[in-house]
Amino acid sequence: MKPLKLSVFGMLGIALVFGGGGRVQGAKPGPLRWQCVPEKSVALVQNDAVVWQFNYAPDQNKAYFHPVALPGGPTLTADRPADHLWHHALWFSWKYINGVNYWEHDRETGKPAGRTLWSNVTIDTRDDFSARIAMDLAFVDPAGTEVLTGKRTVDVSAPESDGRYHLDWTCSFTAGENDVTLDRTPIPGEPDGKAWGGYAGLSVRLANEMTDRSATTLAGPVSLETGRYRGKAEALDYHGVIGNRTVGIAIYDHPNNLNHPTPWYVIASQPMSYFSPAVICYRPHTLPASQSLTLRYRVIVHPDRWDAEQLRREQREYLSFSKKKMPPGRQ
């Protein structure tokens, strides 16, 4: 693995005063600082409480974000909850690659049958408290064959005046010498379909303590009466109450993504709060040999409940920003 690259602020963990946006709602005024453990984690910290932390130790099954919190609290995510030890707060994982499970743990080994490996991790922590995280990925089957490679970049913004911040994910995947089939547990209506099928890709497991949960798309609130929701939408916000604060996480699906507008898989069945832009929920996807697939998402961590109007305002900003950043010929 190549050495980790950090800015001087990241390496020294220098504390800098949070300025430029006023006081964070719900947080005591205090400095932000970077807290970095080489080849293990990087975190943004305020008053000794973690705002967000990226975990990438080489002995982990996945690289992931946890805690994901707001300045001043609370923490919105759950890592390795007792009911699903393979859930890692805010993370990306395929379910089946060529029939091999890269998601759940094998009961004998405690690890997925398919391994997700990362290398060449670079982290740029900046003095405005934004950051960029980049890494190379390899997906290895039980025989040791590297069937799929990838690159992941996550750009994390600095917290705004109300504490919100966003994470822009860019994930590219390239098949090896042979075609690669990305699949999931079948859903109801398919042979051997399961009520809990369809999940794969970017995922969020929210804190077990979340109550009064609800979800909204650009079309308005969605029903969670059955404890599950599936449907297609360009964006979805999942929100509820943790402690005495109303909080939420919104995810935006980029228009160039496979199967846009994405299918969603949402669970609200106490204590499990989970949602995902489940890109292959309705059908598997075969990536031809040597061909690539790129997925882009914006994740926004925020206070309060967002309605459809707020979701749409933030979508316009995301699409305007992503269009400016898109390479020529890719709009």
C-alpha atoms as a PDB file:
ATOM      1  CA  MET A   1       0.000   0.000   0.000  1.00  0.00           C
ATOM      2  CA  LYS A   2       1.313   3.456  -0.882  1.00  0.00           C
ATOM      3  CA  PRO A   3       1.825   5.971   1.943  1.00  0.00           C
ATOM      4  CA  LEU A   4      -1.165   7.973   3.080  1.00  0.00           C
ATOM      5  CA  LYS A   5      -1.092  11.563   1.863  1.00  0.00           C
ATOM      6  CA  LEU A   6      -2.338  14.169   4.325  1.00  0.00           C
ATOM      7  CA  SER A   7      -2.183  17.940   4.414  1.00  0.00           C
ATOM      8  CA  VAL A   8      -0.131  19.552   7.143  1.00  0.00           C
ATOM      9  CA  PHE A   9      -3.356  20.178   9.055  1.00  0.00           C
ATOM     10  CA  GLY A  10      -4.220  16.493   8.953  1.00  0.00           C
ATOM     11  CA  MET A  11      -0.768  15.307   9.981  1.00  0.00           C
ATOM     12  CA  LEU A  12      -0.434  17.635  12.941  1.00  0.00           C
ATOM     13  CA  GLY A  13      -4.080  17.585  13.996  1.00  0.00           C
ATOM     14  CA  ILE A  14      -4.013  21.372  14.335  1.00  0.00           C
ATOM     15  CA  ALA A  15      -7.186  22.807  15.886  1.00  0.00           C
ATOM     16  CA  LEU A  16      -8.658  25.729  13.953  1.00  0.00           C
ATOM     17  CA  VAL A  17     -11.613  27.883  14.895  1.00  0.00           C
ATOM     18  CA  PHE A  18     -14.817  27.121  13.015  1.00  0.00           C
ATOM     19  CA  GLY A  19     -15.631  30.363  11.237  1.00  0.00           C
ATOM     20  CA  GLY A  20     -17.170  31.869   8.163  1.00  0.00           C
ATOM     21  CA  GLY A  21     -20.635  30.430   8.733  1.00  0.00           C
ATOM     22  CA  GLY A  22     -21.609  31.470  12.242  1.00  0.00           C
ATOM     23  CA  ARG A  23     -22.438  29.161  15.096  1.00  0.00           C
ATOM     24  CA  VAL A  24     -23.614  25.661  14.409  1.00  0.00           C
ATOM     25  CA  GLN A  25     -27.218  25.145  15.441  1.00  0.00           C
ATOM     26  CA  GLY A  26     -27.433  22.673  18.297  1.00  0.00           C
ATOM     27  CA  ALA A  27     -23.674  22.743  18.960  1.00  0.00           C
ATOM     28  CA  LYS A  28     -21.599  24.531  21.560  1.00  0.00           C
ATOM     29  CA  PRO A  29     -19.134  26.927  19.909  1.00  0.00           C
ATOM     30  CA  GLY A  30     -15.729  25.362  19.627  1.00  0.00           C
ATOM     31  CA  PRO A  31     -12.834  24.587  17.314  1.00  0.00           C
ATOM     32  CA  LEU A  32     -12.833  21.968  14.626  1.00  0.00           C
ATOM     33  CA  ARG A  33      -9.731  19.882  14.076  1.00  0.00           C
ATOM     34  CA  TRP A  34      -8.526  16.882  12.135  1.00  0.00           C
ATOM     35  CA  GLN A  35      -7.820  13.627  13.933  1.00  0.00           C
ATOM     36  CA  CYS A  36      -5.855  11.179  11.814  1.00  0.00           C
ATOM     37  CA  VAL A  37      -4.556   7.679  12.503  1.00  0.00           C
ATOM     38  CA  PRO A  38      -2.391   6.630   9.509  1.00  0.00           C
ATOM     39  CA  GLU A  39      -3.681   3.583   7.634  1.00  0.00           C
ATOM     40  CA  LYS A  40      -6.693   3.384   9.926  1.00  0.00           C
ATOM     41  CA  SER A  41      -8.971   6.451  10.074  1.00  0.00           C
ATOM     42  CA  VAL A  42      -9.447  10.164   9.515  1.00  0.00           C
ATOM     43  CA  ALA A  43     -12.012  12.214  11.417  1.00  0.00           C
ATOM     44  CA  LEU A  44     -13.328  15.747  11.708  1.00  0.00           C
ATOM     45  CA  VAL A  45     -13.693  16.546  15.394  1.00  0.00           C
ATOM     46  CA  GLN A  46     -15.377  19.366  17.298  1.00  0.00           C
ATOM     47  CA  ASN A  47     -15.040  19.730  21.072  1.00  0.00           C
ATOM     48  CA  ASP A  48     -13.584  16.175  21.149  1.00  0.00           C
ATOM     49  CA  ALA A  49     -16.764  14.776  19.536  1.00  0.00           C
ATOM     50  CA  VAL A  50     -16.505  13.235  16.067  1.00  0.00           C
ATOM     51  CA  VAL A  51     -18.504  14.952  13.313  1.00  0.00           C
ATOM     52  CA  TRP A  52     -17.590  12.290  10.750  1.00  0.00           C
ATOM     53  CA  GLN A  53     -14.973   9.553  10.552  1.00  0.00           C
ATOM     54  CA  PHE A  54     -13.755   7.461   7.633  1.00  0.00           C
ATOM     55  CA  ASN A  55     -12.429   4.003   8.590  1.00  0.00           C
ATOM     56  CA  TYR A  56     -10.127   2.119   6.229  1.00  0.00           C
ATOM     57  CA  ALA A  57      -7.906  -0.217   8.277  1.00  0.00           C
ATOM     58  CA  PRO A  58      -6.699  -3.054   6.018  1.00  0.00           C
ATOM     59  CA  ASP A  59      -8.129  -5.782   8.282  1.00  0.00           C
ATOM     60  CA  GLN A  60     -11.707  -4.482   7.899  1.00  0.00           C
ATOM     61  CA  ASN A  61     -14.251  -6.102   5.584  1.00  0.00           C
ATOM     62  CA  LYS A  62     -15.309  -2.708   4.189  1.00  0.00           C
ATOM     63  CA  ALA A  63     -14.066   0.873   4.175  1.00  0.00           C
ATOM     64  CA  TYR A  64     -16.846   3.043   5.606  1.00  0.00           C
ATOM     65  CA  PHE A  65     -17.960   6.222   7.391  1.00  0.00           C
ATOM     66  CA  HIS A  66     -18.876   6.019  11.083  1.00  0.00           C
ATOM     67  CA  PRO A  67     -19.711   7.945  13.119  1.00  0.00           C
ATOM     68  CA  VAL A  68     -21.696  10.229  10.834  1.00  0.00           C
ATOM     69  CA  ALA A  69     -22.986  12.988  13.080  1.00  0.00           C
ATOM     70  CA  LEU A  70     -23.931  16.655  13.135  1.00  0.00           C
ATOM     71  CA  PRO A  71     -21.724  19.162  14.940  1.00  0.00           C
ATOM     72  CA  GLY A  72     -22.994  19.127  18.498  1.00  0.00           C
ATOM     73  CA  GLY A  73     -24.609  15.733  17.923  1.00  0.00           C
ATOM     74  CA  PRO A  74     -26.288  13.397  17.604  1.00  0.00           C
ATOM     75  CA  THR A  75     -24.646  10.500  15.769  1.00  0.00           C
ATOM     76  CA  LEU A  76     -26.960   9.432  12.933  1.00  0.00           C
ATOM     77  CA  THR A  77     -25.419   6.057  12.024  1.00  0.00           C
ATOM     78  CA  ALA A  78     -24.972   2.557  13.435  1.00  0.00           C
ATOM     79  CA  ASP A  79     -21.942   0.343  12.777  1.00  0.00           C
ATOM     80  CA  ARG A  80     -22.102  -3.440  13.047  1.00  0.00           C
ATOM     81  CA  PRO A  81     -25.471  -3.583  14.857  1.00  0.00           C
ATOM     82  CA  ALA A  82     -26.246  -6.916  16.506  1.00  0.00           C
ATOM     83  CA  ASP A  83     -28.962  -7.790  13.979  1.00  0.00           C
ATOM     84  CA  HIS A  84     -26.705  -7.205  10.925  1.00  0.00           C
ATOM     85  CA  LEU A  85     -22.998  -7.242  11.775  1.00  0.00           C
ATOM     86  CA  TRP A  86     -22.142  -6.539   8.128  1.00  0.00           C
ATOM     87  CA  HIS A  87     -23.933  -3.168   8.152  1.00  0.00           C
ATOM     88  CA  HIS A  88     -21.306  -0.413   8.326  1.00  0.00           C
ATOM     89  CA  ALA A  89     -23.107   2.910   8.842  1.00  0.00           C
ATOM     90  CA  LEU A  90     -22.465   4.681   5.509  1.00  0.00           C
ATOM     91  CA  TRP A  91     -20.807   2.300   3.066  1.00  0.00           C
ATOM     92  CA  PHE A  92     -20.849   0.812  -0.433  1.00  0.00           C
ATOM     93  CA  SER A  93     -20.991  -2.916  -1.104  1.00  0.00           C
ATOM     94  CA  TRP A  94     -22.117  -5.112  -3.950  1.00  0.00           C
ATOM     95  CA  LYS A  95     -24.215  -8.126  -2.916  1.00  0.00           C
ATOM     96  CA  TYR A  96     -23.342 -10.836  -5.449  1.00  0.00           C
ATOM     97  CA  ILE A  97     -20.573 -10.641  -8.032  1.00  0.00           C
ATOM     98  CA  ASN A  98     -20.728 -13.649 -10.371  1.00  0.00           C
ATOM     99  CA  GLY A  99     -22.790 -15.449  -7.729  1.00  0.00           C
ATOM    100  CA  VAL A 100     -20.306 -14.850  -4.885  1.00  0.00           C
ATOM    101  CA  ASN A 101     -21.548 -13.008  -1.786  1.00  0.00           C
ATOM    102  CA  TYR A 102     -19.582  -9.816  -1.031  1.00  0.00           C
ATOM    103  CA  TRP A 103     -22.169  -8.491   1.474  1.00  0.00           C
ATOM    104  CA  GLU A 104     -22.984 -10.833   4.366  1.00  0.00           C
ATOM    105  CA  HIS A 105     -20.497 -12.671   6.528  1.00  0.00           C
ATOM    106  CA  ASP A 106     -19.760 -16.349   6.132  1.00  0.00           C
ATOM    107  CA  ARG A 107     -20.764 -18.013   9.418  1.00  0.00           C
ATOM    108  CA  GLU A 108     -17.494 -19.937   9.688  1.00  0.00           C
ATOM    109  CA  THR A 109     -15.041 -17.150   8.839  1.00  0.00           C
ATOM    110  CA  GLY A 110     -16.934 -14.060   9.963  1.00  0.00           C
ATOM    111  CA  LYS A 111     -16.044 -12.475   6.617  1.00  0.00           C
ATOM    112  CA  PRO A 112     -17.785 -12.261   3.240  1.00  0.00           C
ATOM    113  CA  ALA A 113     -16.949 -15.051   0.784  1.00  0.00           C
ATOM    114  CA  GLY A 114     -15.889 -12.391  -1.716  1.00  0.00           C
ATOM    115  CA  ARG A 115     -13.259  -9.922  -0.535  1.00  0.00           C
ATOM    116  CA  THR A 116     -13.327  -6.180  -1.112  1.00  0.00           C
ATOM    117  CA  LEU A 117      -9.777  -4.798  -0.931  1.00  0.00           C
ATOM    118  CA  TRP A 118      -8.460  -1.232  -1.117  1.00  0.00           C
ATOM    119  CA  SER A 119      -5.056   0.314  -1.758  1.00  0.00           C
ATOM    120  CA  ASN A 120      -3.390   3.591  -2.726  1.00  0.00           C
ATOM    121  CA  VAL A 121      -5.471   5.492  -0.209  1.00  0.00           C
ATOM    122  CA  THR A 122      -4.965   9.263  -0.415  1.00  0.00           C
ATOM    123  CA  ILE A 123      -6.621  11.705   1.960  1.00  0.00           C
ATOM    124  CA  ASP A 124      -6.460  15.470   1.549  1.00  0.00           C
ATOM    125  CA  THR A 125      -7.652  17.284   4.677  1.00  0.00           C
ATOM    126  CA  ARG A 126      -7.985  21.028   4.136  1.00  0.00           C
ATOM    127  CA  ASP A 127      -7.857  24.064   6.383  1.00  0.00           C
ATOM    128  CA  ASP A 128     -11.490  24.921   5.563  1.00  0.00           C
ATOM    129  CA  PHE A 129     -12.494  21.483   6.971  1.00  0.00           C
ATOM    130  CA  SER A 130     -13.410  19.964   3.641  1.00  0.00           C
ATOM    131  CA  ALA A 131     -11.652  16.780   2.548  1.00  0.00           C
ATOM    132  CA  ARG A 132     -11.094  14.426  -0.369  1.00  0.00           C
ATOM    133  CA  ILE A 133     -10.690  10.671   0.072  1.00  0.00           C
ATOM    134  CA  ALA A 134      -9.583   8.499  -2.851  1.00  0.00           C
ATOM    135  CA  MET A 135      -8.742   4.821  -3.110  1.00  0.00           C
ATOM    136  CA  ASP A 136      -8.315   1.935  -5.538  1.00  0.00           C
ATOM    137  CA  LEU A 137     -10.551  -1.117  -5.097  1.00  0.00           C
ATOM    138  CA  ALA A 138     -10.277  -4.786  -5.998  1.00  0.00           C
ATOM    139  CA  PHE A 139     -12.991  -7.434  -5.750  1.00  0.00           C
ATOM    140  CA  VAL A 140     -11.514 -10.896  -5.287  1.00  0.00           C
ATOM    141  CA  ASP A 141     -13.389 -14.194  -5.446  1.00  0.00           C
ATOM    142  CA  PRO A 142     -12.701 -17.220  -3.176  1.00  0.00           C
ATOM    143  CA  ALA A 143     -10.253 -18.629  -5.749  1.00  0.00           C
ATOM    144  CA  GLY A 144      -8.156 -15.471  -5.491  1.00  0.00           C
ATOM    145  CA  THR A 145      -9.160 -14.101  -8.894  1.00  0.00           C
ATOM    146  CA  GLU A 146      -9.551 -10.335  -9.185  1.00  0.00           C
ATOM    147  CA  VAL A 147     -12.841 -10.199 -11.078  1.00  0.00           C
ATOM    148  CA  LEU A 148     -13.537  -6.469 -10.774  1.00  0.00           C
ATOM    149  CA  THR A 149     -11.486  -3.374 -10.013  1.00  0.00           C
ATOM    150  CA  GLY A 150     -12.598   0.094  -9.051  1.00  0.00           C
ATOM    151  CA  LYS A 151     -11.785   3.609  -7.967  1.00  0.00           C
ATOM    152  CA  ARG A 152     -13.658   5.555  -5.313  1.00  0.00           C
ATOM    153  CA  THR A 153     -13.499   9.256  -4.529  1.00  0.00           C
ATOM    154  CA  VAL A 154     -15.491  10.939  -1.773  1.00  0.00           C
ATOM    155  CA  ASP A 155     -15.438  14.732  -1.494  1.00  0.00           C
ATOM    156  CA  VAL A 156     -16.671  15.898   1.915  1.00  0.00           C
ATOM    157  CA  SER A 157     -17.726  19.515   2.316  1.00  0.00           C
ATOM    158  CA  ALA A 158     -17.121  21.681   5.366  1.00  0.00           C
ATOM    159  CA  PRO A 159     -20.099  22.010   7.735  1.00  0.00           C
ATOM    160  CA  GLU A 160     -22.409  24.913   6.941  1.00  0.00           C
ATOM    161  CA  SER A 161     -23.897  27.355   9.464  1.00  0.00           C
ATOM    162  CA  ASP A 162     -26.708  24.957  10.426  1.00  0.00           C
ATOM    163  CA  GLY A 163     -24.315  21.997  10.658  1.00  0.00           C
ATOM    164  CA  ARG A 164     -25.225  20.306   7.380  1.00  0.00           C
ATOM    165  CA  TYR A 165     -22.515  18.926   5.102  1.00  0.00           C
ATOM    166  CA  HIS A 166     -22.414  16.711   2.047  1.00  0.00           C
ATOM    167  CA  LEU A 167     -20.376  13.801   0.721  1.00  0.00           C
ATOM    168  CA  ASP A 168     -20.046  13.481  -3.053  1.00  0.00           C
ATOM    169  CA  TRP A 169     -19.341   9.871  -4.029  1.00  0.00           C
ATOM    170  CA  THR A 170     -17.844   8.837  -7.364  1.00  0.00           C
ATOM    171  CA  CYS A 171     -17.465   5.069  -7.767  1.00  0.00           C
ATOM    172  CA  SER A 172     -16.115   3.495 -10.953  1.00  0.00           C
ATOM    173  CA  PHE A 173     -15.905  -0.248 -11.614  1.00  0.00           C
ATOM    174  CA  THR A 174     -14.105  -2.098 -14.423  1.00  0.00           C
ATOM    175  CA  ALA A 175     -14.603  -5.747 -15.316  1.00  0.00           C
ATOM    176  CA  GLY A 176     -11.591  -7.998 -15.720  1.00  0.00           C
ATOM    177  CA  GLU A 177     -10.955 -10.410 -18.586  1.00  0.00           C
ATOM    178  CA  ASN A 178     -14.458 -11.861 -18.304  1.00  0.00           C
ATOM    179  CA  ASP A 179     -17.971 -10.467 -18.049  1.00  0.00           C
ATOM    180  CA  VAL A 180     -19.079  -9.630 -14.519  1.00  0.00           C
ATOM    181  CA  THR A 181     -22.659 -10.008 -13.288  1.00  0.00           C
ATOM    182  CA  LEU A 182     -23.750  -7.799 -10.400  1.00  0.00           C
ATOM    183  CA  ASP A 183     -26.781  -9.297  -8.676  1.00  0.00           C
ATOM    184  CA  ARG A 184     -28.924  -9.139  -5.537  1.00  0.00           C
ATOM    185  CA  THR A 185     -31.389 -11.289  -3.611  1.00  0.00           C
ATOM    186  CA  PRO A 186     -34.506 -11.525  -5.816  1.00  0.00           C
ATOM    187  CA  ILE A 187     -37.512  -9.432  -4.850  1.00  0.00           C
ATOM    188  CA  PRO A 188     -41.215 -10.433  -4.595  1.00  0.00           C
ATOM    189  CA  GLY A 189     -42.651 -11.368  -7.979  1.00  0.00           C
ATOM    190  CA  GLU A 190     -39.419 -13.074  -9.092  1.00  0.00           C
ATOM    191  CA  PRO A 191     -38.592 -16.773  -8.649  1.00  0.00           C
ATOM    192  CA  ASP A 192     -37.705 -17.360  -4.984  1.00  0.00           C
ATOM    193  CA  GLY A 193     -38.278 -13.649  -4.345  1.00  0.00           C
ATOM    194  CA  LYS A 194     -37.872 -12.363  -0.803  1.00  0.00           C
ATOM    195  CA  ALA A 195     -39.607  -9.456   0.915  1.00  0.00           C
ATOM    196  CA  TRP A 196     -36.171  -8.268   2.001  1.00  0.00           C
ATOM    197  CA  GLY A 197     -34.498  -8.663  -1.415  1.00  0.00           C
ATOM    198  CA  GLY A 198     -33.124  -6.056  -3.780  1.00  0.00           C
ATOM    199  CA  TYR A 199     -30.373  -4.377  -1.772  1.00  0.00           C
ATOM    200  CA  ALA A 200     -26.890  -3.614  -3.141  1.00  0.00           C
ATOM    201  CA  GLY A 201     -24.733  -0.536  -3.535  1.00  0.00           C
ATOM    202  CA  LEU A 202     -24.512   2.647  -1.473  1.00  0.00           C
ATOM    203  CA  SER A 203     -26.250   2.132   1.875  1.00  0.00           C
ATOM    204  CA  VAL A 204     -27.001   3.859   5.173  1.00  0.00           C
ATOM    205  CA  ARG A 205     -27.774   2.148   8.468  1.00  0.00           C
ATOM    206  CA  LEU A 206     -29.149   4.753  10.840  1.00  0.00           C
ATOM    207  CA  ALA A 207     -28.906   4.735  14.611  1.00  0.00           C
ATOM    208  CA  ASN A 208     -31.147   2.229  16.388  1.00  0.00           C
ATOM    209  CA  GLU A 209     -32.284   5.062  18.657  1.00  0.00           C
ATOM    210  CA  MET A 210     -34.025   6.897  15.800  1.00  0.00           C
ATOM    211  CA  THR A 211     -37.782   7.279  16.327  1.00  0.00           C
ATOM    212  CA  ASP A 212     -40.638   9.053  14.533  1.00  0.00           C
ATOM    213  CA  ARG A 213     -39.152   8.007  11.203  1.00  0.00           C
ATOM    214  CA  SER A 214     -40.379   9.126   7.809  1.00  0.00           C
ATOM    215  CA  ALA A 215     -39.096   9.492   4.257  1.00  0.00           C
ATOM    216  CA  THR A 216     -39.682  11.923   1.413  1.00  0.00           C
ATOM    217  CA  THR A 217     -38.912  11.978  -2.316  1.00  0.00           C
ATOM    218  CA  LEU A 218     -39.273  14.806  -4.824  1.00  0.00           C
ATOM    219  CA  ALA A 219     -42.886  13.665  -5.256  1.00  0.00           C
ATOM    220  CA  GLY A 220     -43.633  13.964  -1.540  1.00  0.00           C
ATOM    221  CA  PRO A 221     -43.797  11.649   1.510  1.00  0.00           C
ATOM    222  CA  VAL A 222     -43.636   7.880   0.974  1.00  0.00           C
ATOM    223  CA  SER A 223     -45.555   5.318   3.012  1.00  0.00           C
ATOM    224  CA  LEU A 224     -43.589   3.303   5.561  1.00  0.00           C
ATOM    225  CA  GLU A 225     -46.685   1.644   7.081  1.00  0.00           C
ATOM    226  CA  THR A 226     -45.526  -1.827   6.049  1.00  0.00           C
ATOM    227  CA  GLY A 227     -42.018  -1.166   7.343  1.00  0.00           C
ATOM    228  CA  ARG A 228     -40.568  -1.201   3.802  1.00  0.00           C
ATOM    229  CA  TYR A 229     -40.663   0.966   0.703  1.00  0.00           C
ATOM    230  CA  ARG A 230     -39.542   0.336  -2.861  1.00  0.00           C
ATOM    231  CA  GLY A 231     -39.926   2.857  -5.634  1.00  0.00           C
ATOM    232  CA  LYS A 232     -37.987   4.912  -8.154  1.00  0.00           C
ATOM    233  CA  ALA A 233     -36.983   8.507  -7.461  1.00  0.00           C
ATOM    234  CA  GLU A 234     -34.188  10.952  -8.151  1.00  0.00           C
ATOM    235  CA  ALA A 235     -33.657  11.637  -4.447  1.00  0.00           C
ATOM    236  CA  LEU A 236     -34.832  10.478  -1.042  1.00  0.00           C
ATOM    237  CA  ASP A 237     -34.560  11.942   2.450  1.00  0.00           C
ATOM    238  CA  TYR A 238     -34.815   9.688   5.522  1.00  0.00           C
ATOM    239  CA  HIS A 239     -35.400  11.555   8.774  1.00  0.00           C
ATOM    240  CA  GLY A 240     -36.419  11.052  12.366  1.00  0.00           C
ATOM    241  CA  VAL A 241     -35.656  11.948  15.966  1.00  0.00           C
ATOM    242  CA  ILE A 242     -32.504  10.924  17.841  1.00  0.00           C
ATOM    243  CA  GLY A 243     -32.370  12.087  21.432  1.00  0.00           C
ATOM    244  CA  ASN A 244     -34.209  15.390  21.333  1.00  0.00           C
ATOM    245  CA  ARG A 245     -33.092  16.467  17.856  1.00  0.00           C
ATOM    246  CA  THR A 246     -34.745  15.939  14.467  1.00  0.00           C
ATOM    247  CA  VAL A 247     -32.178  14.948  11.861  1.00  0.00           C
ATOM    248  CA  GLY A 248     -31.948  13.350   8.435  1.00  0.00           C
ATOM    249  CA  ILE A 249     -29.820  12.108   5.568  1.00  0.00           C
ATOM    250  CA  ALA A 250     -30.680  12.791   1.926  1.00  0.00           C
ATOM    251  CA  ILE A 251     -29.188  10.970  -1.062  1.00  0.00           C
ATOM    252  CA  TYR A 252     -29.268  12.211  -4.668  1.00  0.00           C
ATOM    253  CA  ASP A 253     -28.910   9.914  -7.656  1.00  0.00           C
ATOM    254  CA  HIS A 254     -26.895  11.428 -10.519  1.00  0.00           C
ATOM    255  CA  PRO A 255     -28.787  11.564 -13.871  1.00  0.00           C
ATOM    256  CA  ASN A 256     -26.002   9.621 -15.620  1.00  0.00           C
ATOM    257  CA  ASN A 257     -26.255   6.672 -13.233  1.00  0.00           C
ATOM    258  CA  LEU A 258     -27.379   3.220 -14.299  1.00  0.00           C
ATOM    259  CA  ASN A 259     -31.172   2.792 -13.971  1.00  0.00           C
ATOM    260  CA  HIS A 260     -31.757   6.492 -13.181  1.00  0.00           C
ATOM    261  CA  PRO A 261     -33.991   7.443 -11.477  1.00  0.00           C
ATOM    262  CA  THR A 262     -32.721   4.857  -9.067  1.00  0.00           C
ATOM    263  CA  PRO A 263     -34.846   2.242  -7.328  1.00  0.00           C
ATOM    264  CA  TRP A 264     -34.870   2.759  -3.546  1.00  0.00           C
ATOM    265  CA  TYR A 265     -35.019   0.208  -0.777  1.00  0.00           C
ATOM    266  CA  VAL A 266     -36.115   1.669   2.563  1.00  0.00           C
ATOM    267  CA  ILE A 267     -36.658  -0.117   5.890  1.00  0.00           C
ATOM    268  CA  ALA A 268     -38.372   1.375   8.949  1.00  0.00           C
ATOM    269  CA  SER A 269     -38.879  -1.568  11.269  1.00  0.00           C
ATOM    270  CA  GLN A 270     -37.717  -0.868  14.811  1.00  0.00           C
ATOM    271  CA  PRO A 271     -34.882  -0.898  15.602  1.00  0.00           C
ATOM    272  CA  MET A 272     -33.763  -1.077  11.956  1.00  0.00           C
ATOM    273  CA  SER A 273     -33.628   2.175  10.001  1.00  0.00           C
ATOM    274  CA  TYR A 274     -31.951   1.611   6.639  1.00  0.00           C
ATOM    275  CA  PHE A 275     -32.086   3.021   3.117  1.00  0.00           C
ATOM    276  CA  SER A 276     -30.252   2.683  -0.156  1.00  0.00           C
ATOM    277  CA  PRO A 277     -30.338   3.886  -3.759  1.00  0.00           C
ATOM    278  CA  ALA A 278     -30.414   0.205  -4.695  1.00  0.00           C
ATOM    279  CA  VAL A 279     -29.214   0.540  -8.275  1.00  0.00           C
ATOM    280  CA  ILE A 280     -29.841  -3.107  -9.281  1.00  0.00           C
ATOM    281  CA  CYS A 281     -32.933  -3.673  -7.104  1.00  0.00           C
ATOM    282  CA  TYR A 282     -35.188  -4.666 -10.025  1.00  0.00           C
ATOM    283  CA  ARG A 283     -32.731  -6.620 -12.141  1.00  0.00           C
ATOM    284  CA  PRO A 284     -29.086  -7.722 -12.221  1.00  0.00           C
ATOM    285  CA  HIS A 285     -26.557  -5.928 -14.394  1.00  0.00           C
ATOM    286  CA  THR A 286     -23.855  -7.562 -16.522  1.00  0.00           C
ATOM    287  CA  LEU A 287     -20.711  -5.551 -17.104  1.00  0.00           C
ATOM    288  CA  PRO A 288     -18.914  -6.795 -20.249  1.00  0.00           C
ATOM    289  CA  ALA A 289     -15.246  -7.752 -20.015  1.00  0.00           C
ATOM    290  CA  SER A 290     -12.947  -4.712 -19.727  1.00  0.00           C
ATOM    291  CA  GLN A 291     -15.928  -2.324 -19.665  1.00  0.00           C
ATOM    292  CA  SER A 292     -16.581   0.214 -16.904  1.00  0.00           C
ATOM    293  CA  LEU A 293     -19.508   1.498 -14.869  1.00  0.00           C
ATOM    294  CA  THR A 294     -19.516   4.800 -12.950  1.00  0.00           C
ATOM    295  CA  LEU A 295     -21.974   5.758 -10.216  1.00  0.00           C
ATOM    296  CA  ARG A 296     -22.253   9.178  -8.588  1.00  0.00           C
ATOM    297  CA  TYR A 297     -24.231  10.235  -5.533  1.00  0.00           C
ATOM    298  CA  ARG A 298     -24.510  13.192  -3.176  1.00  0.00           C
ATOM    299  CA  VAL A 299     -25.218  12.387   0.484  1.00  0.00           C
ATOM    300  CA  ILE A 300     -26.332  15.308   2.679  1.00  0.00           C
ATOM    301  CA  VAL A 301     -26.329  15.067   6.475  1.00  0.00           C
ATOM    302  CA  HIS A 302     -28.637  17.716   7.923  1.00  0.00           C
ATOM    303  CA  PRO A 303     -30.820  18.838  10.847  1.00  0.00           C
ATOM    304  CA  ASP A 304     -34.638  18.873  10.654  1.00  0.00           C
ATOM    305  CA  ARG A 305     -37.010  17.091   8.256  1.00  0.00           C
ATOM    306  CA  TRP A 306     -36.779  17.901   4.578  1.00  0.00           C
ATOM    307  CA  ASP A 307     -39.885  18.102   2.451  1.00  0.00           C
ATOM    308  CA  ALA A 308     -40.068  17.751  -1.337  1.00  0.00           C
ATOM    309  CA  GLU A 309     -39.452  21.456  -1.864  1.00  0.00           C
ATOM    310  CA  GLN A 310     -36.249  21.416   0.184  1.00  0.00           C
ATOM    311  CA  LEU A 311     -35.103  18.260  -1.594  1.00  0.00           C
ATOM    312  CA  ARG A 312     -35.638  19.921  -4.956  1.00  0.00           C
ATOM    313  CA  ARG A 313     -33.737  23.069  -3.973  1.00  0.00           C
ATOM    314  CA  GLU A 314     -30.747  20.990  -2.949  1.00  0.00           C
ATOM    315  CA  GLN A 315     -31.040  18.875  -6.111  1.00  0.00           C
ATOM    316  CA  ARG A 316     -30.706  21.971  -8.288  1.00  0.00           C
ATOM    317  CA  GLU A 317     -27.500  22.908  -6.470  1.00  0.00           C
ATOM    318  CA  TYR A 318     -26.100  19.390  -6.826  1.00  0.00           C
ATOM    319  CA  LEU A 319     -26.873  19.138 -10.536  1.00  0.00           C
ATOM    320  CA  SER A 320     -25.416  22.581 -11.206  1.00  0.00           C
ATOM    321  CA  PHE A 321     -22.257  21.689  -9.289  1.00  0.00           C
ATOM    322  CA  SER A 322     -21.840  18.241 -10.870  1.00  0.00           C
ATOM    323  CA  LYS A 323     -22.299  19.636 -14.378  1.00  0.00           C
ATOM    324  CA  LYS A 324     -19.431  22.054 -13.792  1.00  0.00           C
ATOM    325  CA  LYS A 325     -17.242  19.227 -12.512  1.00  0.00           C
ATOM    326  CA  MET A 326     -18.128  16.696 -15.222  1.00  0.00           C
ATOM    327  CA  PRO A 327     -15.356  15.951 -17.770  1.00  0.00           C
ATOM    328  CA  PRO A 328     -16.039  17.283 -21.314  1.00  0.00           C
ATOM    329  CA  GLY A 329     -18.384  15.037 -23.298  1.00  0.00           C
ATOM    330  CA  ARG A 330     -19.857  13.368 -20.182  1.00  0.00           C
ATOM    331  CA  GLN A 331     -22.788  15.744 -19.400  1.00  0.00           C
END
